Protein backbone atom coordinates (compact mmCIF):
# COMPACT_ATOMS: atom_id res chain seq x y z
CA UNK A 1 71.20 139.22 54.08
CA UNK A 2 72.72 138.24 50.79
CA UNK A 3 69.97 136.54 48.68
CA UNK A 4 72.46 133.99 47.37
CA UNK A 5 73.18 132.98 50.94
CA UNK A 6 69.45 132.54 51.59
CA UNK A 7 69.22 130.23 48.58
CA UNK A 8 72.20 128.22 49.81
CA UNK A 9 70.96 127.56 53.37
CA UNK A 10 68.10 125.14 52.48
CA UNK A 11 70.41 122.99 50.38
CA UNK A 12 72.90 122.76 53.26
CA UNK A 13 70.15 121.81 55.69
CA UNK A 14 68.81 119.25 53.25
CA UNK A 15 72.25 117.74 52.86
CA UNK A 16 72.61 117.54 56.64
CA UNK A 17 69.26 115.81 57.01
CA UNK A 18 69.99 113.37 54.22
CA UNK A 19 73.24 112.42 55.89
CA UNK A 20 71.65 111.38 59.19
CA UNK A 21 71.30 107.76 58.08
CA UNK A 22 75.00 107.39 57.22
CA UNK A 23 76.18 106.09 60.63
CA UNK A 24 73.75 103.15 60.39
CA UNK A 25 75.50 101.96 57.22
CA UNK A 26 79.10 102.46 58.29
CA UNK A 27 79.58 98.89 59.55
CA UNK A 28 78.39 97.48 56.23
CA UNK A 29 80.46 100.00 54.29
CA UNK A 30 83.70 99.17 56.08
CA UNK A 31 83.36 95.42 56.65
CA UNK A 32 85.98 93.45 54.76
CA UNK A 33 85.11 92.23 51.25
CA UNK A 34 86.41 89.46 49.00
CA UNK A 35 86.19 90.52 45.37
CA UNK A 36 87.21 88.68 42.20
CA UNK A 37 87.24 89.64 38.52
CA UNK A 38 87.33 86.55 36.30
CA UNK A 39 87.99 86.88 32.58
CA UNK A 40 87.74 84.05 30.06
CA UNK A 41 88.18 84.84 26.36
CA UNK A 42 86.92 82.16 23.97
CA UNK A 43 86.12 84.11 20.80
CA UNK A 44 88.52 86.36 18.87
CA UNK A 45 87.81 88.82 16.06
CA UNK A 46 91.26 88.40 14.50
CA UNK A 47 91.26 85.35 12.16
CA UNK A 48 94.92 84.78 13.07
CA UNK A 49 93.79 83.92 16.61
CA UNK A 50 92.04 80.55 16.97
CA UNK A 51 89.02 80.46 19.23
CA UNK A 52 89.47 78.64 22.54
CA UNK A 53 87.14 75.99 23.90
CA UNK A 54 87.23 76.36 27.66
CA UNK A 55 88.56 79.81 28.66
CA UNK A 56 85.07 81.15 29.43
CA UNK A 57 84.20 77.97 31.30
CA UNK A 58 87.44 78.33 33.27
CA UNK A 59 86.28 81.73 34.51
CA UNK A 60 82.75 80.55 35.36
CA UNK A 61 83.91 77.39 37.13
CA UNK A 62 86.47 79.26 39.22
CA UNK A 63 83.87 81.89 40.13
CA UNK A 64 81.52 79.17 41.39
CA UNK A 65 84.27 77.62 43.53
CA UNK A 66 85.31 80.98 44.99
CA UNK A 67 81.71 81.73 45.92
CA UNK A 68 80.89 78.33 47.42
CA UNK A 69 84.25 77.42 48.93
CA UNK A 70 85.94 80.77 49.50
CA UNK A 71 83.12 83.08 50.63
CA UNK A 72 83.87 85.60 47.88
CA UNK A 73 80.95 88.00 48.02
CA UNK A 74 81.50 89.93 44.76
CA UNK A 75 82.30 88.07 41.54
CA UNK A 76 82.55 89.83 38.19
CA UNK A 77 82.62 87.35 35.29
CA UNK A 78 83.58 88.47 31.79
CA UNK A 79 83.18 85.60 29.33
CA UNK A 80 81.44 86.79 26.15
CA UNK A 81 83.08 88.51 23.18
CA UNK A 82 81.79 92.01 24.01
CA UNK A 83 82.60 91.87 27.72
CA UNK A 84 86.14 90.66 27.01
CA UNK A 85 87.15 93.52 24.74
CA UNK A 86 90.12 95.51 26.00
CA UNK A 87 88.23 98.59 27.20
CA UNK A 88 85.56 96.47 28.89
CA UNK A 89 88.22 94.50 30.78
CA UNK A 90 90.02 97.63 31.97
CA UNK A 91 86.75 99.27 33.03
CA UNK A 92 85.69 96.15 34.96
CA UNK A 93 89.00 96.10 36.86
CA UNK A 94 88.70 99.80 37.71
CA UNK A 95 85.11 99.43 38.87
CA UNK A 96 85.78 96.36 41.01
CA UNK A 97 88.74 97.95 42.79
CA UNK A 98 87.47 101.53 43.16
CA UNK A 99 86.17 101.21 46.73
CA UNK A 100 88.35 98.41 48.11
CA UNK A 101 89.77 99.02 51.58
CA UNK A 102 92.82 97.89 53.53
CA UNK A 103 91.31 94.65 54.88
CA UNK A 104 89.78 93.44 51.61
CA UNK A 105 90.89 90.64 49.27
CA UNK A 106 91.12 91.04 45.48
CA UNK A 107 91.68 88.32 42.87
CA UNK A 108 92.12 88.90 39.13
CA UNK A 109 91.94 85.80 36.92
CA UNK A 110 92.55 85.75 33.16
CA UNK A 111 92.23 82.83 30.75
CA UNK A 112 92.82 83.33 27.05
CA UNK A 113 95.44 83.81 24.35
CA UNK A 114 98.76 85.42 25.09
CA UNK A 115 101.67 86.52 22.95
CA UNK A 116 105.06 88.14 23.24
CA UNK A 117 107.02 90.83 21.43
CA UNK A 118 110.75 91.41 21.27
CA UNK A 119 112.17 94.92 21.20
CA UNK A 120 115.84 95.87 21.12
CA UNK A 121 115.26 98.52 23.80
CA UNK A 122 112.39 97.08 25.87
CA UNK A 123 113.42 93.44 25.58
CA UNK A 124 110.84 90.65 25.68
CA UNK A 125 107.34 91.78 26.65
CA UNK A 126 104.35 89.55 27.40
CA UNK A 127 100.78 90.38 26.44
CA UNK A 128 97.29 89.11 27.23
CA UNK A 129 94.98 89.30 24.21
CA UNK A 130 91.36 90.50 24.65
CA UNK A 131 88.67 89.39 22.19
CA UNK A 132 89.19 92.43 19.94
CA UNK A 133 93.00 92.25 19.93
CA UNK A 134 94.93 92.12 16.66
CA UNK A 135 97.88 89.76 16.80
CA UNK A 136 99.93 92.00 14.53
CA UNK A 137 99.21 94.99 16.79
CA UNK A 138 99.78 93.40 20.18
CA UNK A 139 101.45 96.52 21.58
CA UNK A 140 98.35 98.65 21.05
CA UNK A 141 95.50 96.15 21.22
CA UNK A 142 96.84 93.75 23.85
CA UNK A 143 97.14 94.20 27.63
CA UNK A 144 100.70 94.42 28.90
CA UNK A 145 101.30 91.71 31.54
CA UNK A 146 103.73 93.97 33.41
CA UNK A 147 101.00 96.63 33.48
CA UNK A 148 98.61 94.08 34.98
CA UNK A 149 101.18 93.25 37.65
CA UNK A 150 101.53 96.93 38.50
CA UNK A 151 97.77 97.50 38.44
CA UNK A 152 97.06 94.68 40.88
CA UNK A 153 99.88 95.86 43.16
CA UNK A 154 98.25 99.30 43.33
CA UNK A 155 94.91 97.96 44.60
CA UNK A 156 94.14 99.20 48.11
CA UNK A 157 93.21 95.71 49.34
CA UNK A 158 95.95 94.19 51.46
CA UNK A 159 95.59 90.71 49.94
CA UNK A 160 95.93 90.54 46.15
CA UNK A 161 96.15 87.67 43.68
CA UNK A 162 96.89 87.75 39.94
CA UNK A 163 96.18 84.36 38.34
CA UNK A 164 96.76 83.77 34.62
CA UNK A 165 96.01 80.66 32.59
CA UNK A 166 97.68 81.74 29.37
CA UNK A 167 101.02 81.39 27.60
CA UNK A 168 103.24 83.27 25.18
CA UNK A 169 105.23 80.77 23.13
CA UNK A 170 103.05 80.41 20.03
CA UNK A 171 101.40 77.12 20.96
CA UNK A 172 98.05 76.17 22.56
CA UNK A 173 96.79 79.30 24.37
CA UNK A 174 99.24 81.54 22.53
CA UNK A 175 99.98 82.95 19.10
CA UNK A 176 102.96 84.87 17.75
CA UNK A 177 102.91 87.66 15.21
CA UNK A 178 104.86 87.38 11.96
CA UNK A 179 107.55 89.87 13.02
CA UNK A 180 108.08 88.07 16.30
CA UNK A 181 108.41 84.72 14.53
CA UNK A 182 111.10 86.19 12.27
CA UNK A 183 113.00 87.56 15.27
CA UNK A 184 112.79 84.21 17.07
CA UNK A 185 114.10 82.43 13.99
CA UNK A 186 117.27 84.51 14.21
CA UNK A 187 117.84 83.69 17.89
CA UNK A 188 119.76 80.74 19.21
CA UNK A 189 117.52 79.12 21.83
CA UNK A 190 114.65 80.78 23.66
CA UNK A 191 114.15 84.56 23.76
CA UNK A 192 115.47 86.40 26.80
CA UNK A 193 113.08 86.33 29.79
CA UNK A 194 110.90 89.41 30.28
CA UNK A 195 111.88 92.04 32.81
CA UNK A 196 109.24 92.23 35.53
CA UNK A 197 107.78 95.72 35.73
CA UNK A 198 107.18 95.55 39.47
CA UNK A 199 108.42 93.23 42.18
CA UNK A 200 105.85 91.33 44.21
CA UNK A 201 104.78 93.48 47.15
CA UNK A 202 103.53 92.48 50.58
CA UNK A 203 100.58 90.08 50.80
CA UNK A 204 100.55 89.52 47.05
CA UNK A 205 100.64 86.43 44.86
CA UNK A 206 101.02 85.99 41.11
CA UNK A 207 100.20 82.62 39.64
CA UNK A 208 101.03 81.70 36.05
CA UNK A 209 99.89 78.54 34.28
CA UNK A 210 103.28 78.03 32.62
CA UNK A 211 106.81 79.33 32.38
CA UNK A 212 106.95 82.29 30.03
CA UNK A 213 108.15 80.15 27.10
CA UNK A 214 106.03 77.04 27.65
CA UNK A 215 102.53 76.18 26.42
CA UNK A 216 99.42 76.50 28.60
CA UNK A 217 97.14 73.71 27.45
CA UNK A 218 93.43 73.06 27.27
CA UNK A 219 92.23 69.47 27.59
CA UNK A 220 88.87 68.26 26.16
CA UNK A 221 88.80 65.41 28.67
CA UNK A 222 89.15 67.83 31.57
CA UNK A 223 86.87 70.42 29.93
CA UNK A 224 89.09 73.18 31.30
CA UNK A 225 92.53 74.62 30.95
CA UNK A 226 94.86 72.08 32.56
CA UNK A 227 96.21 74.44 35.23
CA UNK A 228 92.77 75.87 36.03
CA UNK A 229 91.34 72.35 36.30
CA UNK A 230 93.78 71.47 39.04
CA UNK A 231 93.29 74.81 40.81
CA UNK A 232 89.57 73.93 40.90
CA UNK A 233 90.45 70.48 42.18
CA UNK A 234 92.53 71.98 44.99
CA UNK A 235 89.56 74.10 46.07
CA UNK A 236 86.97 71.32 45.84
CA UNK A 237 87.39 67.55 45.59
CA UNK A 238 91.06 67.52 46.65
CA UNK A 239 90.83 70.31 49.23
CA UNK A 240 91.64 67.97 52.14
CA UNK A 241 94.83 66.82 50.38
CA UNK A 242 95.84 70.28 49.12
CA UNK A 243 95.45 71.66 52.66
CA UNK A 244 98.97 70.73 53.72
CA UNK A 245 98.89 72.36 57.18
CA UNK A 246 95.46 70.83 57.93
CA UNK A 247 93.94 74.07 59.16
CA UNK A 248 90.70 73.56 57.23
CA UNK A 249 91.68 76.19 54.66
CA UNK A 250 93.33 76.17 51.23
CA UNK A 251 95.53 79.21 50.80
CA UNK A 252 96.89 80.51 47.53
CA UNK A 253 100.26 78.78 47.93
CA UNK A 254 98.65 75.41 48.71
CA UNK A 255 96.32 75.70 45.72
CA UNK A 256 99.17 76.59 43.35
CA UNK A 257 101.48 73.88 44.67
CA UNK A 258 98.77 71.26 44.13
CA UNK A 259 97.95 72.55 40.64
CA UNK A 260 101.63 72.83 39.67
CA UNK A 261 102.47 69.23 40.58
CA UNK A 262 99.34 67.86 38.91
CA UNK A 263 99.86 69.97 35.77
CA UNK A 264 103.47 68.81 35.39
CA UNK A 265 102.36 65.19 35.73
CA UNK A 266 99.42 65.61 33.35
CA UNK A 267 101.48 67.28 30.59
CA UNK A 268 104.59 65.16 31.02
CA UNK A 269 106.59 68.22 32.04
CA UNK A 270 105.69 70.27 28.95
CA UNK A 271 103.80 72.79 31.12
CA UNK A 272 105.37 73.90 34.42
CA UNK A 273 103.32 76.52 36.32
CA UNK A 274 105.22 79.21 38.21
CA UNK A 275 104.39 81.58 41.04
CA UNK A 276 105.73 84.64 42.82
CA UNK A 277 104.74 85.30 46.41
CA UNK A 278 105.39 87.69 49.21
CA UNK A 279 102.84 86.86 51.86
CA UNK A 280 103.20 89.16 54.86
CA UNK A 281 99.99 89.61 56.76
CA UNK A 282 97.32 88.27 58.93
CA UNK A 283 95.96 85.99 56.20
CA UNK A 284 97.82 83.67 53.90
CA UNK A 285 95.34 84.72 51.17
CA UNK A 286 92.83 81.91 51.54
CA UNK A 287 90.91 80.74 48.48
CA UNK A 288 88.80 78.05 50.18
CA UNK A 289 87.42 77.87 53.69
CA UNK A 290 84.65 79.44 55.72
CA UNK A 291 84.82 82.93 57.16
CA UNK A 292 84.83 81.56 60.71
CA UNK A 293 87.75 79.24 59.95
CA UNK A 294 89.66 82.04 58.21
CA UNK A 295 89.14 84.36 61.16
CA UNK A 296 90.37 81.73 63.62
CA UNK A 297 93.51 81.21 61.51
CA UNK A 298 94.32 84.87 61.03
CA UNK A 299 97.48 86.34 62.41
CA UNK A 300 97.76 89.75 63.99
CA UNK A 301 99.84 92.56 62.49
CA UNK A 302 102.21 95.08 64.01
CA UNK A 303 103.16 98.22 62.13
CA UNK A 304 103.94 101.90 62.70
CA UNK A 305 103.89 105.15 60.79
CA UNK A 306 105.33 107.39 63.49
CA UNK A 307 108.61 108.99 62.36
CA UNK A 308 110.35 108.07 65.62
CA UNK A 309 109.48 104.39 65.28
CA UNK A 310 109.76 104.15 61.48
CA UNK A 311 113.27 102.63 61.48
CA UNK A 312 112.94 100.73 64.73
CA UNK A 313 113.49 97.00 65.16
CA UNK A 314 110.55 95.06 66.57
CA UNK A 315 111.32 92.50 69.28
CA UNK A 316 108.48 90.19 70.34
CA UNK A 317 108.97 88.12 73.48
CA UNK A 318 112.73 88.63 73.25
CA UNK A 319 113.04 87.66 69.56
CA UNK A 320 113.72 90.07 66.72
CA UNK A 321 110.83 89.98 64.24
CA UNK A 322 111.58 92.70 61.69
CA UNK A 323 112.25 96.36 61.03
CA UNK A 324 109.52 98.99 60.80
CA UNK A 325 107.62 100.23 58.90
CA UNK A 326 107.26 96.74 57.40
CA UNK A 327 104.33 94.68 58.61
CA UNK A 328 105.21 92.16 61.32
CA UNK A 329 102.84 89.18 61.56
CA UNK A 330 102.50 87.49 64.96
CA UNK A 331 100.25 84.90 66.51
CA UNK A 332 97.27 86.21 68.51
CA UNK A 333 97.77 86.29 72.27
CA UNK A 334 99.67 88.19 74.93
CA UNK A 335 103.13 89.39 73.93
CA UNK A 336 105.84 91.66 75.26
CA UNK A 337 106.69 94.02 72.41
CA UNK A 338 109.81 96.18 72.29
CA UNK A 339 111.02 98.64 69.69
CA UNK A 340 114.70 99.59 69.59
CA UNK A 341 116.40 102.18 67.41
CA UNK A 342 119.44 101.59 65.19
CA UNK A 343 121.78 102.09 68.17
CA UNK A 344 119.92 99.49 70.20
CA UNK A 345 118.27 102.02 72.53
CA UNK A 346 114.81 101.06 73.70
CA UNK A 347 112.07 103.30 72.33
CA UNK A 348 109.18 101.51 73.96
CA UNK A 349 108.25 98.30 75.74
CA UNK A 350 104.71 97.12 76.36
CA UNK A 351 102.91 93.92 77.21
CA UNK A 352 99.77 93.73 75.08
CA UNK A 353 97.08 91.24 74.23
CA UNK A 354 96.37 91.22 70.49
CA UNK A 355 93.44 89.52 68.80
CA UNK A 356 93.32 87.44 65.61
CA UNK A 357 92.98 89.75 62.64
CA UNK A 358 93.89 92.88 64.60
CA UNK A 359 96.30 95.46 63.22
CA UNK A 360 98.14 97.18 66.06
CA UNK A 361 99.72 100.55 65.35
CA UNK A 362 102.76 100.66 67.62
CA UNK A 363 102.67 104.44 67.96
CA UNK A 364 99.46 103.92 69.96
CA UNK A 365 101.59 102.06 72.52
CA UNK A 366 104.40 104.59 72.27
CA UNK A 367 102.28 107.27 73.90
CA UNK A 368 102.01 106.99 77.69
CA UNK A 369 99.03 105.05 78.93
CA UNK A 370 96.53 107.35 80.51
CA UNK A 371 95.16 107.07 84.05
CA UNK A 372 91.53 106.26 84.67
CA UNK A 373 88.86 105.95 87.29
CA UNK A 374 86.47 103.26 88.48
CA UNK A 375 83.26 103.19 90.54
CA UNK A 376 82.37 99.99 92.42
CA UNK A 377 79.37 98.61 94.22
CA UNK A 378 79.29 95.31 96.07
CA UNK A 379 78.89 93.28 99.26
CA UNK A 380 81.30 92.32 102.05
CA UNK A 381 81.43 89.25 104.28
CA UNK A 382 82.98 89.57 107.78
CA UNK A 383 84.27 86.55 109.69
CA UNK A 384 86.66 85.61 112.50
CA UNK A 385 87.29 86.95 115.99
CA UNK A 386 85.55 90.30 116.44
CA UNK A 387 83.08 89.87 113.61
CA UNK A 388 80.25 89.11 116.05
CA UNK A 389 80.09 92.74 117.14
CA UNK A 390 79.39 93.86 113.56
CA UNK A 391 77.05 92.56 110.88
CA UNK A 392 78.25 89.57 108.85
CA UNK A 393 77.18 91.25 105.61
CA UNK A 394 77.52 94.85 104.51
CA UNK A 395 76.97 96.81 101.33
CA UNK A 396 79.72 99.03 100.06
CA UNK A 397 80.78 101.53 97.42
CA UNK A 398 84.23 102.59 96.26
CA UNK A 399 85.79 105.13 93.93
CA UNK A 400 89.22 104.17 92.60
CA UNK A 401 91.71 106.31 90.67
CA UNK A 402 94.39 104.24 88.95
CA UNK A 403 97.54 105.20 87.08
CA UNK A 404 99.84 102.85 85.09
CA UNK A 405 103.53 103.30 85.92
CA UNK A 406 105.30 104.54 82.79
CA UNK A 407 108.73 103.05 83.49
CA UNK A 408 107.26 99.68 84.51
CA UNK A 409 104.39 98.66 82.26
CA UNK A 410 103.71 95.64 84.48
CA UNK A 411 102.74 97.81 87.46
CA UNK A 412 99.68 99.92 88.27
CA UNK A 413 99.04 102.06 91.34
CA UNK A 414 95.71 103.28 92.62
CA UNK A 415 94.11 105.52 95.24
CA UNK A 416 90.62 104.76 96.51
CA UNK A 417 87.92 105.85 98.94
CA UNK A 418 85.52 103.29 100.39
CA UNK A 419 82.18 103.46 102.21
CA UNK A 420 80.36 100.53 103.83
CA UNK A 421 77.07 100.26 105.72
CA UNK A 422 74.91 97.64 107.48
CA UNK A 423 71.90 97.68 109.81
CA UNK A 424 70.20 95.03 111.87
CA UNK A 425 69.90 93.19 115.18
CA UNK A 426 73.01 91.65 116.77
CA UNK A 427 73.08 89.01 119.50
CA UNK A 428 75.76 91.05 121.25
CA UNK A 429 73.25 93.82 122.03
CA UNK A 430 70.08 91.78 122.34
CA UNK A 431 67.12 91.02 120.11
CA UNK A 432 65.50 94.48 120.35
CA UNK A 433 68.48 96.70 119.62
CA UNK A 434 69.04 97.91 116.06
CA UNK A 435 72.72 98.44 115.32
CA UNK A 436 74.00 100.63 112.49
CA UNK A 437 77.59 99.95 111.49
CA UNK A 438 79.88 100.90 108.68
CA UNK A 439 83.26 102.09 107.56
CA UNK A 440 84.93 105.01 105.84
CA UNK A 441 88.45 104.51 104.60
CA UNK A 442 91.08 105.91 102.26
CA UNK A 443 93.66 103.64 100.74
CA UNK A 444 96.22 102.82 98.09
CA UNK A 445 97.00 99.73 96.02
CA UNK A 446 99.84 98.45 93.85
CA UNK A 447 98.87 95.80 91.31
CA UNK A 448 100.77 93.52 88.99
CA UNK A 449 99.31 93.88 85.46
CA UNK A 450 98.67 90.57 83.71
CA UNK A 451 97.14 89.77 80.30
CA UNK A 452 97.84 93.29 79.00
CA UNK A 453 96.21 94.90 82.01
CA UNK A 454 93.03 92.84 81.91
CA UNK A 455 93.94 91.03 85.13
CA UNK A 456 95.50 92.65 88.21
CA UNK A 457 96.64 91.36 91.58
CA UNK A 458 98.45 93.08 94.40
CA UNK A 459 98.41 94.44 97.97
CA UNK A 460 96.26 97.25 99.26
CA UNK A 461 96.48 99.32 102.43
CA UNK A 462 93.63 101.34 103.91
CA UNK A 463 93.46 103.79 106.77
CA UNK A 464 89.88 103.51 107.92
CA UNK A 465 87.32 104.28 110.57
CA UNK A 466 84.97 101.39 111.42
CA UNK A 467 82.01 102.62 113.47
CA UNK A 468 78.88 101.47 115.31
CA UNK A 469 75.82 103.39 116.53
CA UNK A 470 72.97 101.92 118.63
CA UNK A 471 70.64 102.81 121.48
CA UNK A 472 69.95 100.45 124.41
CA UNK A 473 68.77 100.85 128.01
CA UNK A 474 71.98 102.72 128.80
CA UNK A 475 71.35 105.28 126.08
CA UNK A 476 73.01 106.19 122.78
CA UNK A 477 76.35 104.59 121.94
CA UNK A 478 78.78 105.82 119.27
CA UNK A 479 81.86 103.66 118.79
CA UNK A 480 84.65 104.50 116.32
CA UNK A 481 88.38 103.95 115.94
CA UNK A 482 91.06 104.87 113.40
CA UNK A 483 92.76 101.71 112.17
CA UNK A 484 95.23 100.46 109.52
CA UNK A 485 93.71 97.78 107.23
CA UNK A 486 96.14 95.70 105.11
CA UNK A 487 94.80 93.44 102.41
CA UNK A 488 95.01 91.90 98.93
CA UNK A 489 92.87 92.63 95.88
CA UNK A 490 92.43 90.90 92.53
CA UNK A 491 90.61 92.37 89.55
CA UNK A 492 89.44 91.32 86.10
CA UNK A 493 88.74 94.09 83.58
CA UNK A 494 86.52 93.54 80.57
CA UNK A 495 87.24 96.40 78.16
CA UNK A 496 84.99 97.91 75.48
CA UNK A 497 86.70 100.86 73.81
CA UNK A 498 88.12 103.21 76.45
CA UNK A 499 85.62 101.90 78.99
CA UNK A 500 85.53 98.67 80.93
CA UNK A 501 83.66 96.59 83.45
CA UNK A 502 85.62 95.28 86.42
CA UNK A 503 85.02 92.36 88.76
CA UNK A 504 87.02 92.81 91.98
CA UNK A 505 87.66 90.58 94.98
CA UNK A 506 89.29 91.99 98.13
CA UNK A 507 90.55 90.34 101.30
CA UNK A 508 91.40 92.56 104.31
CA UNK A 509 92.31 92.30 107.98
CA UNK A 510 90.34 94.88 110.00
CA UNK A 511 91.12 95.69 113.67
CA UNK A 512 88.37 97.27 115.79
CA UNK A 513 88.32 98.64 119.36
CA UNK A 514 85.33 97.50 121.46
CA UNK A 515 84.85 98.26 125.14
CA UNK A 516 88.49 99.23 125.43
CA UNK A 517 89.69 95.99 123.83
CA UNK A 518 91.15 95.53 120.37
CA UNK A 519 89.57 92.88 118.25
CA UNK A 520 90.31 91.80 114.69
CA UNK A 521 88.23 90.28 111.96
CA UNK A 522 88.74 89.46 108.30
CA UNK A 523 86.59 90.76 105.48
CA UNK A 524 86.08 89.52 101.96
CA UNK A 525 84.22 91.66 99.48
CA UNK A 526 83.03 91.14 95.93
CA UNK A 527 82.27 94.20 93.80
CA UNK A 528 81.30 95.05 90.25
CA UNK A 529 82.62 98.28 88.78
CA UNK A 530 82.56 100.52 85.75
CA UNK A 531 85.66 102.39 84.62
CA UNK A 532 86.92 104.76 81.97
CA UNK A 533 90.27 106.11 80.86
CA UNK A 534 90.90 109.84 80.73
C-alpha cells in the first residue's frame, strides 16, 4: 500500500471521531440569534473635529436596553478611541455578521460625527467619521453611508436594522471640510440630496436621527443624543405608550415613530428624524419584548424557489396575497393556499396548517402527498340487540393503508384489515362454558380531511367474519358468518416529522347469524395508533 495513504488514514479516522459530538450542538448552532453592533465615537484625533459628549454613552445605554428589553443575546459595543477607528469598526461588523443565519436579527447603531462631500459626477455623498478620520480626507478616512446601507442589506439575517444618530450639515454632530464649505457657498439653497446606493430590501429598516441636511443634537439635560434618548424612552419608560398596537412589543417602526415625534417637539422642528422601511416577514423587527411574546406575535411566511412556481400568484383563502418568489406573510392557522400561473391556471391547491414563525416552502406542497400506513391497538364495546351472545368488550388490532386523493386535497381514502378477540363466560351458554369470540374483516374508508389532515371523519365499510367457538354438553360449536359492516370513523393525528400518533373512534353496525336467526348489534371502539408516511 502507498505509504502516504497509510499516513493519511489515521488523520481521517481522527477527524471522524472528533466530529461525533457535532450533532449534539446543532440545535444551539442553528437557533435564532439577535445580534447588535453599537458604535459611539466621542474622541477624534483630527483637531478640526470637536469631541462629543454622549455618543459613547448613547451606544452603551442602547445596548443595555436591547439586552434587558429586547432579548439581544450578542452585543458588541465600540466606544473608546481605539475601538472606533475605521478598521476596527469594519472588522467588528464583519465578525458579528460572519455566521448569521436566515432567522437571525442584526442591528447596527452608529453615533458620532458625520459629514458630506459634493462631487460633480457622484453628487452629494454622506459619510460617518470614525475616531481616526480626517475631515479634509473624508473620502478615504470616513465610512460611506451608502456603503453601510449596502453592507447591512447583504447580511444573511432576515431582519436588519441600520440606526444612525449623526448628521451631515456642519452643525452639532457634523463638520464640513473647507472645500465642501466653499462649494456650498456657491449653491443657492441646500445641496442636492444624496443618491441612495441601495433600496431598502425585505425585512429591513434604516433609521436616521435627522434629515440629511439638518442637525442631530446632543442635549446635556438628557445626557444623550436627542434622537437616541427618545429611542431609549420608547424601549423603556414609555414602552406602553409607544406600543401602538398593544401587543406587548415595541417594533422598530413604533420606536422610531415615538422618537421622531418627541425629537421634533424637543428641538422645535430643527431636527426631524427620517426612516426607510420594507418590513416583509414573520416579525416586525421587535426591539423590546420577551422572546415568548415575540414568538406569539410572529407571522408565518410563504415562499418558493421552484422554477415552476417562481412567477406564480399566491392566493390565500380566496384572496390574492402576492407574487412569488417574494415572501408572503400570513397569520398562523389553517389556510387554503393556491398558486396560479400568469394565465390564471392553477398550479397547486392545498389546505395547510401553518405555525407562528414557520417558513413554508410552497414547492413542498407542490409535490404529491405520499401515502402512509398506520397500526392500531384498542378496545371495542358491543351493545344492543344481539350483543348478549358475544362479549361486551373485546381487544382489537388494525393495519390501515391510507392515500390522499391528489385532485381533491380534502379527501383521503384508506384500506384496512382488522382482528378482534375476546374470551370469557356468557350467560347465554351458562356459567361453566368458556366462549371464544372474535372477528376478521377487510374494509375501506373515505375521510374528509380537516385542519390540514390532522383531523379526519368519514364512513367506513367492512366485509367481516364474526365468529364464536365454545364447548358445552352438546360438544364443540363453531359459529361464523360473512357479513357487511357499515360504520363511521373519526381520527385525530398528532404529527412529529413524517410520523404521527393517531387517536381513532369507530362506530359500526354488525349483523351476526345465531341459531339460524340474524341478529344485529352496534360496536364502538377506541384505538391508539402509530403511523408513518412513505
